[in-house]
Amino acid sequence: MGIGGSIFLLALGAILAFAVDADISGLDINVVGYVLMLAGLVGLILTLYFWNSRRRPAAPAAVVDEHQVVREEPVYRDGHVVEQQYHQTTRREVPPPPPPSYGA
């Protein structure tokens, strides 16, 4: 619905609920106004919720520690000692930067 549609429903509902004094058989204009205000409020809350959840960026993973590891026990291959080496990398989530402070 969007923010504009929600505000329109809120305004139209408030006009019908508080400013219109008309009698229509079988229909209460005040109740229609309250229902429109409720629909506008729900639409506004849902729109703001989905906008905020969509704007959060995913935290990238950063390399914290990367080093070469050599096995301590010897490995024999064809009668010769061979060192087994590999790289070990530790990753963690990078926290988002703090929000900017304006004029504090």
PDB file of N, CA and C in Angstrom:
ATOM      1  N   MET A   1       0.832  -1.176   0.000  1.00  0.00           N
ATOM      2  CA  MET A   1       0.000   0.000   0.000  1.00  0.00           C
ATOM      3  C   MET A   1       0.875   1.237   0.000  1.00  0.00           C
ATOM      4  N   GLY A   2       1.909   1.268   0.748  1.00  0.00           N
ATOM      5  CA  GLY A   2       2.806   2.404   0.783  1.00  0.00           C
ATOM      6  C   GLY A   2       2.433   3.416   1.847  1.00  0.00           C
ATOM      7  N   ILE A   3       3.357   4.327   2.070  1.00  0.00           N
ATOM      8  CA  ILE A   3       3.141   5.342   3.107  1.00  0.00           C
ATOM      9  C   ILE A   3       2.048   6.318   2.673  1.00  0.00           C
ATOM     10  N   GLY A   4       2.054   6.720   1.413  1.00  0.00           N
ATOM     11  CA  GLY A   4       1.058   7.679   0.934  1.00  0.00           C
ATOM     12  C   GLY A   4      -0.360   7.146   1.039  1.00  0.00           C
ATOM     13  N   GLY A   5      -0.559   5.902   0.626  1.00  0.00           N
ATOM     14  CA  GLY A   5      -1.897   5.300   0.722  1.00  0.00           C
ATOM     15  C   GLY A   5      -2.346   5.145   2.164  1.00  0.00           C
ATOM     16  N   SER A   6      -1.425   4.805   3.039  1.00  0.00           N
ATOM     17  CA  SER A   6      -1.767   4.646   4.457  1.00  0.00           C
ATOM     18  C   SER A   6      -2.165   5.975   5.084  1.00  0.00           C
ATOM     19  N   ILE A   7      -1.420   7.027   4.766  1.00  0.00           N
ATOM     20  CA  ILE A   7      -1.761   8.339   5.309  1.00  0.00           C
ATOM     21  C   ILE A   7      -3.096   8.824   4.741  1.00  0.00           C
ATOM     22  N   PHE A   8      -3.356   8.528   3.462  1.00  0.00           N
ATOM     23  CA  PHE A   8      -4.642   8.898   2.866  1.00  0.00           C
ATOM     24  C   PHE A   8      -5.789   8.203   3.590  1.00  0.00           C
ATOM     25  N   LEU A   9      -5.651   6.893   3.858  1.00  0.00           N
ATOM     26  CA  LEU A   9      -6.704   6.175   4.577  1.00  0.00           C
ATOM     27  C   LEU A   9      -6.890   6.712   5.991  1.00  0.00           C
ATOM     28  N   LEU A  10      -5.795   7.051   6.655  1.00  0.00           N
ATOM     29  CA  LEU A  10      -5.902   7.637   7.990  1.00  0.00           C
ATOM     30  C   LEU A  10      -6.660   8.963   7.956  1.00  0.00           C
ATOM     31  N   ALA A  11      -6.327   9.813   6.995  1.00  0.00           N
ATOM     32  CA  ALA A  11      -6.987  11.122   6.899  1.00  0.00           C
ATOM     33  C   ALA A  11      -8.456  10.977   6.520  1.00  0.00           C
ATOM     34  N   LEU A  12      -8.747  10.129   5.546  1.00  0.00           N
ATOM     35  CA  LEU A  12     -10.140   9.925   5.139  1.00  0.00           C
ATOM     36  C   LEU A  12     -10.963   9.327   6.275  1.00  0.00           C
ATOM     37  N   GLY A  13     -10.387   8.384   6.992  1.00  0.00           N
ATOM     38  CA  GLY A  13     -11.088   7.792   8.135  1.00  0.00           C
ATOM     39  C   GLY A  13     -11.341   8.801   9.235  1.00  0.00           C
ATOM     40  N   ALA A  14     -10.364   9.680   9.493  1.00  0.00           N
ATOM     41  CA  ALA A  14     -10.555  10.699  10.524  1.00  0.00           C
ATOM     42  C   ALA A  14     -11.638  11.697  10.114  1.00  0.00           C
ATOM     43  N   ILE A  15     -11.683  12.046   8.848  1.00  0.00           N
ATOM     44  CA  ILE A  15     -12.732  12.955   8.376  1.00  0.00           C
ATOM     45  C   ILE A  15     -14.103  12.318   8.536  1.00  0.00           C
ATOM     46  N   LEU A  16     -14.226  11.054   8.123  1.00  0.00           N
ATOM     47  CA  LEU A  16     -15.517  10.387   8.243  1.00  0.00           C
ATOM     48  C   LEU A  16     -15.913  10.160   9.695  1.00  0.00           C
ATOM     49  N   ALA A  17     -14.940   9.867  10.557  1.00  0.00           N
ATOM     50  CA  ALA A  17     -15.261   9.552  11.947  1.00  0.00           C
ATOM     51  C   ALA A  17     -15.574  10.797  12.768  1.00  0.00           C
ATOM     52  N   PHE A  18     -14.881  11.895  12.511  1.00  0.00           N
ATOM     53  CA  PHE A  18     -15.000  13.040  13.401  1.00  0.00           C
ATOM     54  C   PHE A  18     -15.691  14.259  12.784  1.00  0.00           C
ATOM     55  N   ALA A  19     -15.704  14.403  11.467  1.00  0.00           N
ATOM     56  CA  ALA A  19     -16.217  15.639  10.874  1.00  0.00           C
ATOM     57  C   ALA A  19     -17.540  15.474  10.147  1.00  0.00           C
ATOM     58  N   VAL A  20     -17.872  14.294   9.703  1.00  0.00           N
ATOM     59  CA  VAL A  20     -19.100  14.099   8.930  1.00  0.00           C
ATOM     60  C   VAL A  20     -20.219  13.710   9.877  1.00  0.00           C
ATOM     61  N   ASP A  21     -21.330  14.396   9.707  1.00  0.00           N
ATOM     62  CA  ASP A  21     -22.508  14.089  10.524  1.00  0.00           C
ATOM     63  C   ASP A  21     -23.672  13.831   9.576  1.00  0.00           C
ATOM     64  N   ALA A  22     -23.660  12.643   9.001  1.00  0.00           N
ATOM     65  CA  ALA A  22     -24.709  12.281   8.046  1.00  0.00           C
ATOM     66  C   ALA A  22     -25.392  11.009   8.520  1.00  0.00           C
ATOM     67  N   ASP A  23     -26.653  10.894   8.175  1.00  0.00           N
ATOM     68  CA  ASP A  23     -27.429   9.705   8.526  1.00  0.00           C
ATOM     69  C   ASP A  23     -27.763   8.947   7.253  1.00  0.00           C
ATOM     70  N   ILE A  24     -27.231   7.741   7.161  1.00  0.00           N
ATOM     71  CA  ILE A  24     -27.536   6.849   6.049  1.00  0.00           C
ATOM     72  C   ILE A  24     -28.118   5.594   6.671  1.00  0.00           C
ATOM     73  N   SER A  25     -29.280   5.174   6.180  1.00  0.00           N
ATOM     74  CA  SER A  25     -29.927   4.010   6.781  1.00  0.00           C
ATOM     75  C   SER A  25     -29.098   2.753   6.510  1.00  0.00           C
ATOM     76  N   GLY A  26     -28.834   2.023   7.563  1.00  0.00           N
ATOM     77  CA  GLY A  26     -28.091   0.775   7.460  1.00  0.00           C
ATOM     78  C   GLY A  26     -26.580   0.941   7.446  1.00  0.00           C
ATOM     79  N   LEU A  27     -26.062   2.173   7.559  1.00  0.00           N
ATOM     80  CA  LEU A  27     -24.622   2.388   7.511  1.00  0.00           C
ATOM     81  C   LEU A  27     -24.251   3.498   8.492  1.00  0.00           C
ATOM     82  N   ASP A  28     -23.312   3.202   9.357  1.00  0.00           N
ATOM     83  CA  ASP A  28     -22.837   4.200  10.311  1.00  0.00           C
ATOM     84  C   ASP A  28     -21.521   4.775   9.791  1.00  0.00           C
ATOM     85  N   ILE A  29     -21.525   6.050   9.426  1.00  0.00           N
ATOM     86  CA  ILE A  29     -20.347   6.698   8.841  1.00  0.00           C
ATOM     87  C   ILE A  29     -19.191   6.737   9.835  1.00  0.00           C
ATOM     88  N   ASN A  30     -19.487   6.871  11.113  1.00  0.00           N
ATOM     89  CA  ASN A  30     -18.422   6.906  12.121  1.00  0.00           C
ATOM     90  C   ASN A  30     -17.664   5.582  12.168  1.00  0.00           C
ATOM     91  N   VAL A  31     -18.379   4.474  12.092  1.00  0.00           N
ATOM     92  CA  VAL A  31     -17.732   3.150  12.114  1.00  0.00           C
ATOM     93  C   VAL A  31     -16.881   2.966  10.865  1.00  0.00           C
ATOM     94  N   VAL A  32     -17.384   3.408   9.713  1.00  0.00           N
ATOM     95  CA  VAL A  32     -16.602   3.320   8.477  1.00  0.00           C
ATOM     96  C   VAL A  32     -15.304   4.126   8.627  1.00  0.00           C
ATOM     97  N   GLY A  33     -15.380   5.294   9.252  1.00  0.00           N
ATOM     98  CA  GLY A  33     -14.191   6.105   9.476  1.00  0.00           C
ATOM     99  C   GLY A  33     -13.182   5.414  10.371  1.00  0.00           C
ATOM    100  N   TYR A  34     -13.677   4.789  11.446  1.00  0.00           N
ATOM    101  CA  TYR A  34     -12.761   4.070  12.342  1.00  0.00           C
ATOM    102  C   TYR A  34     -12.098   2.884  11.636  1.00  0.00           C
ATOM    103  N   VAL A  35     -12.861   2.186  10.800  1.00  0.00           N
ATOM    104  CA  VAL A  35     -12.296   1.045  10.069  1.00  0.00           C
ATOM    105  C   VAL A  35     -11.225   1.525   9.093  1.00  0.00           C
ATOM    106  N   LEU A  36     -11.483   2.637   8.399  1.00  0.00           N
ATOM    107  CA  LEU A  36     -10.473   3.175   7.477  1.00  0.00           C
ATOM    108  C   LEU A  36      -9.224   3.637   8.219  1.00  0.00           C
ATOM    109  N   MET A  37      -9.393   4.250   9.374  1.00  0.00           N
ATOM    110  CA  MET A  37      -8.228   4.660  10.162  1.00  0.00           C
ATOM    111  C   MET A  37      -7.431   3.448  10.619  1.00  0.00           C
ATOM    112  N   LEU A  38      -8.100   2.393  11.020  1.00  0.00           N
ATOM    113  CA  LEU A  38      -7.408   1.173  11.441  1.00  0.00           C
ATOM    114  C   LEU A  38      -6.643   0.556  10.266  1.00  0.00           C
ATOM    115  N   ALA A  39      -7.283   0.508   9.086  1.00  0.00           N
ATOM    116  CA  ALA A  39      -6.602  -0.046   7.906  1.00  0.00           C
ATOM    117  C   ALA A  39      -5.384   0.799   7.539  1.00  0.00           C
ATOM    118  N   GLY A  40      -5.496   2.113   7.623  1.00  0.00           N
ATOM    119  CA  GLY A  40      -4.358   2.979   7.328  1.00  0.00           C
ATOM    120  C   GLY A  40      -3.225   2.798   8.317  1.00  0.00           C
ATOM    121  N   LEU A  41      -3.563   2.640   9.585  1.00  0.00           N
ATOM    122  CA  LEU A  41      -2.533   2.444  10.604  1.00  0.00           C
ATOM    123  C   LEU A  41      -1.812   1.112  10.417  1.00  0.00           C
ATOM    124  N   VAL A  42      -2.569   0.048  10.140  1.00  0.00           N
ATOM    125  CA  VAL A  42      -1.945  -1.258   9.900  1.00  0.00           C
ATOM    126  C   VAL A  42      -1.057  -1.208   8.659  1.00  0.00           C
ATOM    127  N   GLY A  43      -1.543  -0.557   7.593  1.00  0.00           N
ATOM    128  CA  GLY A  43      -0.739  -0.429   6.378  1.00  0.00           C
ATOM    129  C   GLY A  43       0.536   0.360   6.616  1.00  0.00           C
ATOM    130  N   LEU A  44       0.454   1.419   7.409  1.00  0.00           N
ATOM    131  CA  LEU A  44       1.641   2.227   7.711  1.00  0.00           C
ATOM    132  C   LEU A  44       2.657   1.430   8.515  1.00  0.00           C
ATOM    133  N   ILE A  45       2.195   0.698   9.508  1.00  0.00           N
ATOM    134  CA  ILE A  45       3.105  -0.105  10.335  1.00  0.00           C
ATOM    135  C   ILE A  45       3.777  -1.188   9.501  1.00  0.00           C
ATOM    136  N   LEU A  46       3.008  -1.875   8.659  1.00  0.00           N
ATOM    137  CA  LEU A  46       3.596  -2.929   7.825  1.00  0.00           C
ATOM    138  C   LEU A  46       4.591  -2.357   6.815  1.00  0.00           C
ATOM    139  N   THR A  47       4.266  -1.230   6.228  1.00  0.00           N
ATOM    140  CA  THR A  47       5.182  -0.609   5.267  1.00  0.00           C
ATOM    141  C   THR A  47       6.498  -0.229   5.941  1.00  0.00           C
ATOM    142  N   LEU A  48       6.430   0.393   7.090  1.00  0.00           N
ATOM    143  CA  LEU A  48       7.658   0.787   7.792  1.00  0.00           C
ATOM    144  C   LEU A  48       8.457  -0.436   8.236  1.00  0.00           C
ATOM    145  N   TYR A  49       7.773  -1.495   8.659  1.00  0.00           N
ATOM    146  CA  TYR A  49       8.471  -2.718   9.076  1.00  0.00           C
ATOM    147  C   TYR A  49       9.240  -3.326   7.901  1.00  0.00           C
ATOM    148  N   PHE A  50       8.581  -3.430   6.735  1.00  0.00           N
ATOM    149  CA  PHE A  50       9.261  -4.039   5.595  1.00  0.00           C
ATOM    150  C   PHE A  50      10.358  -3.149   5.044  1.00  0.00           C
ATOM    151  N   TRP A  51      10.208  -1.835   5.109  1.00  0.00           N
ATOM    152  CA  TRP A  51      11.279  -0.945   4.675  1.00  0.00           C
ATOM    153  C   TRP A  51      12.497  -1.086   5.563  1.00  0.00           C
ATOM    154  N   ASN A  52      12.301  -1.180   6.877  1.00  0.00           N
ATOM    155  CA  ASN A  52      13.444  -1.298   7.798  1.00  0.00           C
ATOM    156  C   ASN A  52      14.123  -2.649   7.678  1.00  0.00           C
ATOM    157  N   SER A  53      13.366  -3.712   7.467  1.00  0.00           N
ATOM    158  CA  SER A  53      14.002  -5.021   7.357  1.00  0.00           C
ATOM    159  C   SER A  53      14.753  -5.159   6.039  1.00  0.00           C
ATOM    160  N   ARG A  54      14.358  -4.439   5.007  1.00  0.00           N
ATOM    161  CA  ARG A  54      15.022  -4.532   3.717  1.00  0.00           C
ATOM    162  C   ARG A  54      16.297  -3.707   3.678  1.00  0.00           C
ATOM    163  N   ARG A  55      16.424  -2.692   4.491  1.00  0.00           N
ATOM    164  CA  ARG A  55      17.565  -1.787   4.432  1.00  0.00           C
ATOM    165  C   ARG A  55      18.769  -2.274   5.222  1.00  0.00           C
ATOM    166  N   ARG A  56      18.618  -3.282   6.049  1.00  0.00           N
ATOM    167  CA  ARG A  56      19.757  -3.757   6.833  1.00  0.00           C
ATOM    168  C   ARG A  56      20.698  -4.564   5.957  1.00  0.00           C
ATOM    169  N   PRO A  57      21.951  -4.122   5.798  1.00  0.00           N
ATOM    170  CA  PRO A  57      22.884  -4.899   4.979  1.00  0.00           C
ATOM    171  C   PRO A  57      23.387  -6.115   5.746  1.00  0.00           C
ATOM    172  N   ALA A  58      23.701  -7.137   5.017  1.00  0.00           N
ATOM    173  CA  ALA A  58      24.274  -8.325   5.640  1.00  0.00           C
ATOM    174  C   ALA A  58      25.708  -8.016   6.067  1.00  0.00           C
ATOM    175  N   ALA A  59      26.084  -8.509   7.220  1.00  0.00           N
ATOM    176  CA  ALA A  59      27.433  -8.256   7.730  1.00  0.00           C
ATOM    177  C   ALA A  59      28.434  -9.126   6.963  1.00  0.00           C
ATOM    178  N   PRO A  60      29.452  -8.513   6.384  1.00  0.00           N
ATOM    179  CA  PRO A  60      30.446  -9.306   5.657  1.00  0.00           C
ATOM    180  C   PRO A  60      31.369 -10.046   6.627  1.00  0.00           C
ATOM    181  N   ALA A  61      31.912 -11.142   6.165  1.00  0.00           N
ATOM    182  CA  ALA A  61      32.862 -11.893   6.982  1.00  0.00           C
ATOM    183  C   ALA A  61      34.263 -11.372   6.710  1.00  0.00           C
ATOM    184  N   ALA A  62      35.043 -11.208   7.746  1.00  0.00           N
ATOM    185  CA  ALA A  62      36.413 -10.701   7.604  1.00  0.00           C
ATOM    186  C   ALA A  62      37.395 -11.744   8.117  1.00  0.00           C
ATOM    187  N   VAL A  63      38.580 -11.720   7.547  1.00  0.00           N
ATOM    188  CA  VAL A  63      39.629 -12.636   7.989  1.00  0.00           C
ATOM    189  C   VAL A  63      40.222 -12.076   9.277  1.00  0.00           C
ATOM    190  N   VAL A  64      40.177 -12.870  10.323  1.00  0.00           N
ATOM    191  CA  VAL A  64      40.696 -12.447  11.611  1.00  0.00           C
ATOM    192  C   VAL A  64      42.126 -12.927  11.778  1.00  0.00           C
ATOM    193  N   ASP A  65      42.358 -14.171  11.435  1.00  0.00           N
ATOM    194  CA  ASP A  65      43.672 -14.749  11.679  1.00  0.00           C
ATOM    195  C   ASP A  65      43.964 -15.748  10.566  1.00  0.00           C
ATOM    196  N   GLU A  66      45.118 -15.602   9.933  1.00  0.00           N
ATOM    197  CA  GLU A  66      45.514 -16.548   8.899  1.00  0.00           C
ATOM    198  C   GLU A  66      46.986 -16.856   9.105  1.00  0.00           C
ATOM    199  N   HIS A  67      47.292 -18.137   9.287  1.00  0.00           N
ATOM    200  CA  HIS A  67      48.682 -18.512   9.511  1.00  0.00           C
ATOM    201  C   HIS A  67      48.936 -19.901   8.939  1.00  0.00           C
ATOM    202  N   GLN A  68      50.212 -20.167   8.711  1.00  0.00           N
ATOM    203  CA  GLN A  68      50.610 -21.449   8.168  1.00  0.00           C
ATOM    204  C   GLN A  68      50.852 -22.427   9.310  1.00  0.00           C
ATOM    205  N   VAL A  69      50.323 -23.622   9.142  1.00  0.00           N
ATOM    206  CA  VAL A  69      50.443 -24.640  10.189  1.00  0.00           C
ATOM    207  C   VAL A  69      51.289 -25.788   9.641  1.00  0.00           C
ATOM    208  N   VAL A  70      52.267 -26.213  10.430  1.00  0.00           N
ATOM    209  CA  VAL A  70      53.111 -27.346  10.062  1.00  0.00           C
ATOM    210  C   VAL A  70      52.838 -28.459  11.058  1.00  0.00           C
ATOM    211  N   ARG A  71      52.550 -29.638  10.539  1.00  0.00           N
ATOM    212  CA  ARG A  71      52.293 -30.762  11.442  1.00  0.00           C
ATOM    213  C   ARG A  71      53.556 -31.086  12.225  1.00  0.00           C
ATOM    214  N   GLU A  72      53.369 -31.397  13.489  1.00  0.00           N
ATOM    215  CA  GLU A  72      54.531 -31.660  14.338  1.00  0.00           C
ATOM    216  C   GLU A  72      55.084 -33.069  14.141  1.00  0.00           C
ATOM    217  N   GLU A  73      54.236 -34.024  13.878  1.00  0.00           N
ATOM    218  CA  GLU A  73      54.754 -35.380  13.705  1.00  0.00           C
ATOM    219  C   GLU A  73      55.228 -35.547  12.248  1.00  0.00           C
ATOM    220  N   PRO A  74      56.338 -36.228  12.052  1.00  0.00           N
ATOM    221  CA  PRO A  74      56.865 -36.379  10.689  1.00  0.00           C
ATOM    222  C   PRO A  74      56.006 -37.353   9.877  1.00  0.00           C
ATOM    223  N   VAL A  75      55.934 -37.084   8.597  1.00  0.00           N
ATOM    224  CA  VAL A  75      55.222 -37.966   7.676  1.00  0.00           C
ATOM    225  C   VAL A  75      56.270 -38.543   6.731  1.00  0.00           C
ATOM    226  N   TYR A  76      56.297 -39.875   6.616  1.00  0.00           N
ATOM    227  CA  TYR A  76      57.274 -40.542   5.771  1.00  0.00           C
ATOM    228  C   TYR A  76      56.629 -40.927   4.454  1.00  0.00           C
ATOM    229  N   ARG A  77      57.308 -40.571   3.367  1.00  0.00           N
ATOM    230  CA  ARG A  77      56.830 -40.952   2.047  1.00  0.00           C
ATOM    231  C   ARG A  77      58.047 -41.445   1.266  1.00  0.00           C
ATOM    232  N   ASP A  78      58.026 -42.664   0.833  1.00  0.00           N
ATOM    233  CA  ASP A  78      59.131 -43.305   0.108  1.00  0.00           C
ATOM    234  C   ASP A  78      60.432 -43.236   0.901  1.00  0.00           C
ATOM    235  N   GLY A  79      60.341 -43.388   2.222  1.00  0.00           N
ATOM    236  CA  GLY A  79      61.523 -43.407   3.063  1.00  0.00           C
ATOM    237  C   GLY A  79      62.056 -42.033   3.411  1.00  0.00           C
ATOM    238  N   HIS A  80      61.435 -40.973   2.934  1.00  0.00           N
ATOM    239  CA  HIS A  80      61.880 -39.614   3.216  1.00  0.00           C
ATOM    240  C   HIS A  80      60.843 -38.913   4.092  1.00  0.00           C
ATOM    241  N   VAL A  81      61.338 -37.993   4.913  1.00  0.00           N
ATOM    242  CA  VAL A  81      60.452 -37.222   5.770  1.00  0.00           C
ATOM    243  C   VAL A  81      59.857 -36.075   4.948  1.00  0.00           C
ATOM    244  N   VAL A  82      58.536 -35.952   4.983  1.00  0.00           N
ATOM    245  CA  VAL A  82      57.834 -34.889   4.252  1.00  0.00           C
ATOM    246  C   VAL A  82      57.033 -34.082   5.266  1.00  0.00           C
ATOM    247  N   GLU A  83      57.146 -32.766   5.196  1.00  0.00           N
ATOM    248  CA  GLU A  83      56.353 -31.916   6.082  1.00  0.00           C
ATOM    249  C   GLU A  83      55.000 -31.640   5.428  1.00  0.00           C
ATOM    250  N   GLN A  84      53.968 -31.810   6.184  1.00  0.00           N
ATOM    251  CA  GLN A  84      52.628 -31.505   5.689  1.00  0.00           C
ATOM    252  C   GLN A  84      52.285 -30.081   6.114  1.00  0.00           C
ATOM    253  N   GLN A  85      52.012 -29.214   5.168  1.00  0.00           N
ATOM    254  CA  GLN A  85      51.689 -27.831   5.477  1.00  0.00           C
ATOM    255  C   GLN A  85      50.296 -27.512   4.931  1.00  0.00           C
ATOM    256  N   TYR A  86      49.621 -26.649   5.651  1.00  0.00           N
ATOM    257  CA  TYR A  86      48.335 -26.144   5.170  1.00  0.00           C
ATOM    258  C   TYR A  86      48.099 -24.783   5.813  1.00  0.00           C
ATOM    259  N   HIS A  87      47.183 -24.030   5.249  1.00  0.00           N
ATOM    260  CA  HIS A  87      46.830 -22.719   5.791  1.00  0.00           C
ATOM    261  C   HIS A  87      45.538 -22.846   6.578  1.00  0.00           C
ATOM    262  N   GLN A  88      45.528 -22.209   7.720  1.00  0.00           N
ATOM    263  CA  GLN A  88      44.335 -22.206   8.553  1.00  0.00           C
ATOM    264  C   GLN A  88      43.821 -20.762   8.626  1.00  0.00           C
ATOM    265  N   THR A  89      42.546 -20.573   8.315  1.00  0.00           N
ATOM    266  CA  THR A  89      41.958 -19.240   8.313  1.00  0.00           C
ATOM    267  C   THR A  89      40.779 -19.217   9.268  1.00  0.00           C
ATOM    268  N   THR A  90      40.740 -18.214  10.115  1.00  0.00           N
ATOM    269  CA  THR A  90      39.628 -18.026  11.033  1.00  0.00           C
ATOM    270  C   THR A  90      38.837 -16.809  10.572  1.00  0.00           C
ATOM    271  N   ARG A  91      37.517 -16.968  10.426  1.00  0.00           N
ATOM    272  CA  ARG A  91      36.667 -15.872   9.979  1.00  0.00           C
ATOM    273  C   ARG A  91      35.619 -15.580  11.038  1.00  0.00           C
ATOM    274  N   ARG A  92      35.205 -14.322  11.072  1.00  0.00           N
ATOM    275  CA  ARG A  92      34.122 -13.938  11.964  1.00  0.00           C
ATOM    276  C   ARG A  92      33.303 -12.866  11.288  1.00  0.00           C
ATOM    277  N   GLU A  93      32.091 -12.648  11.789  1.00  0.00           N
ATOM    278  CA  GLU A  93      31.229 -11.611  11.253  1.00  0.00           C
ATOM    279  C   GLU A  93      31.753 -10.244  11.687  1.00  0.00           C
ATOM    280  N   VAL A  94      31.756  -9.303  10.770  1.00  0.00           N
ATOM    281  CA  VAL A  94      32.175  -7.943  11.077  1.00  0.00           C
ATOM    282  C   VAL A  94      30.951  -7.189  11.594  1.00  0.00           C
ATOM    283  N   PRO A  95      31.031  -6.594  12.774  1.00  0.00           N
ATOM    284  CA  PRO A  95      29.862  -5.860  13.271  1.00  0.00           C
ATOM    285  C   PRO A  95      29.627  -4.617  12.422  1.00  0.00           C
ATOM    286  N   PRO A  96      28.365  -4.207  12.273  1.00  0.00           N
ATOM    287  CA  PRO A  96      28.109  -3.002  11.482  1.00  0.00           C
ATOM    288  C   PRO A  96      28.687  -1.778  12.172  1.00  0.00           C
ATOM    289  N   PRO A  97      29.054  -0.769  11.388  1.00  0.00           N
ATOM    290  CA  PRO A  97      29.616   0.429  12.012  1.00  0.00           C
ATOM    291  C   PRO A  97      28.556   1.136  12.834  1.00  0.00           C
ATOM    292  N   PRO A  98      28.993   1.860  13.872  1.00  0.00           N
ATOM    293  CA  PRO A  98      28.010   2.570  14.700  1.00  0.00           C
ATOM    294  C   PRO A  98      27.365   3.688  13.893  1.00  0.00           C
ATOM    295  N   PRO A  99      26.127   4.038  14.223  1.00  0.00           N
ATOM    296  CA  PRO A  99      25.471   5.121  13.494  1.00  0.00           C
ATOM    297  C   PRO A  99      26.172   6.439  13.766  1.00  0.00           C
ATOM    298  N   PRO A 100      26.165   7.334  12.799  1.00  0.00           N
ATOM    299  CA  PRO A 100      26.850   8.615  13.006  1.00  0.00           C
ATOM    300  C   PRO A 100      26.132   9.453  14.042  1.00  0.00           C
ATOM    301  N   SER A 101      26.911  10.165  14.842  1.00  0.00           N
ATOM    302  CA  SER A 101      26.315  11.067  15.823  1.00  0.00           C
ATOM    303  C   SER A 101      26.411  12.485  15.281  1.00  0.00           C
ATOM    304  N   TYR A 102      25.286  13.138  15.254  1.00  0.00           N
ATOM    305  CA  TYR A 102      25.227  14.476  14.693  1.00  0.00           C
ATOM    306  C   TYR A 102      25.167  15.507  15.813  1.00  0.00           C
ATOM    307  N   GLY A 103      26.212  16.276  15.960  1.00  0.00           N
ATOM    308  CA  GLY A 103      26.253  17.400  16.871  1.00  0.00           C
ATOM    309  C   GLY A 103      26.168  17.061  18.343  1.00  0.00           C
ATOM    310  N   ALA A 104      26.628  15.904  18.741  1.00  0.00           N
ATOM    311  CA  ALA A 104      26.514  15.536  20.158  1.00  0.00           C
ATOM    312  C   ALA A 104      27.620  16.083  20.960  1.00  0.00           C
TER     313      ALA A 104
END
